[in-house]
Amino acid sequence: MTKKKLKIEGMHCSSCAMSIDFDLEDLEGVKSSKTSFVKQETEVEFDEKLIDLPKILEQIKTTGYSAE
């Protein structure tokens, strides 16, 4: 398992953070996602054998936010 912290841009409230977590945790290979509106970041834990970081970043973009 791999853990990465990603800086998120575009969140306006705690519901934004919940949306990111919901969508990321729905992806195969993502074990957990903890997004903080206050810190404007997410910590995602995932299995590199099932999903890679570019796919996670793509999902965040699809949800309506940007990440790096």
Protein backbone atom coordinates (compact mmCIF):
# COMPACT_ATOMS: atom_id res chain seq x y z
CA MET A 1 0.00 0.00 0.00
CA THR A 2 1.11 3.53 -0.79
CA LYS A 3 0.10 6.76 0.95
CA LYS A 4 0.29 10.13 -0.80
CA LYS A 5 -0.66 13.63 0.30
CA LEU A 6 -2.04 15.77 -2.47
CA LYS A 7 -2.69 19.52 -2.48
CA ILE A 8 -6.28 20.19 -3.59
CA GLU A 9 -7.46 23.41 -5.24
CA GLY A 10 -11.04 24.52 -5.71
CA MET A 11 -12.71 23.32 -2.51
CA HIS A 12 -15.21 25.77 -1.02
CA CYS A 13 -16.57 23.83 1.96
CA SER A 14 -16.47 20.57 3.88
CA SER A 15 -18.99 19.05 1.46
CA CYS A 16 -16.37 19.42 -1.28
CA ALA A 17 -13.97 17.35 0.81
CA MET A 18 -16.62 14.69 1.38
CA SER A 19 -17.30 14.51 -2.37
CA ILE A 20 -13.62 13.90 -3.10
CA ASP A 21 -13.44 11.15 -0.46
CA PHE A 22 -16.62 9.50 -1.71
CA ASP A 23 -15.43 9.44 -5.33
CA LEU A 24 -11.88 8.29 -4.55
CA GLU A 25 -12.98 5.52 -2.19
CA ASP A 26 -15.25 4.25 -4.97
CA LEU A 27 -12.19 3.49 -7.15
CA GLU A 28 -10.83 -0.05 -7.20
CA GLY A 29 -7.49 -0.09 -5.41
CA VAL A 30 -8.12 2.93 -3.17
CA LYS A 31 -8.22 1.82 0.45
CA SER A 32 -8.93 5.22 2.03
CA SER A 33 -9.11 8.92 1.36
CA LYS A 34 -9.01 11.60 4.05
CA THR A 35 -9.60 15.07 2.63
CA SER A 36 -9.30 18.21 4.74
CA PHE A 37 -11.06 21.36 3.61
CA VAL A 38 -9.12 23.39 6.19
CA LYS A 39 -5.72 22.11 5.00
CA GLN A 40 -6.80 22.00 1.33
CA GLU A 41 -5.26 18.53 0.95
CA THR A 42 -6.10 14.87 0.79
CA GLU A 43 -4.23 11.82 1.99
CA VAL A 44 -5.02 8.81 -0.13
CA GLU A 45 -3.93 5.23 0.53
CA PHE A 46 -3.95 2.93 -2.47
CA ASP A 47 -2.60 -0.30 -3.92
CA GLU A 48 -0.17 0.52 -6.74
CA LYS A 49 -0.87 -2.87 -8.31
CA LEU A 50 -4.51 -1.91 -8.89
CA ILE A 51 -4.40 1.86 -9.50
CA ASP A 52 -1.79 4.51 -10.19
CA LEU A 53 -1.49 8.13 -9.12
CA PRO A 54 -2.47 9.60 -12.54
CA LYS A 55 -5.84 7.79 -12.34
CA ILE A 56 -6.40 9.19 -8.85
CA LEU A 57 -5.57 12.71 -10.06
CA GLU A 58 -7.91 12.21 -13.01
CA GLN A 59 -10.76 11.24 -10.67
CA ILE A 60 -10.20 14.34 -8.55
CA LYS A 61 -10.37 16.45 -11.73
CA THR A 62 -13.56 14.65 -12.79
CA THR A 63 -15.05 15.47 -9.39
CA GLY A 64 -14.39 19.16 -10.15
CA TYR A 65 -11.12 19.98 -8.39
CA SER A 66 -7.43 20.07 -9.22
CA ALA A 67 -4.65 18.30 -7.36
CA GLU A 68 -0.90 18.05 -7.37
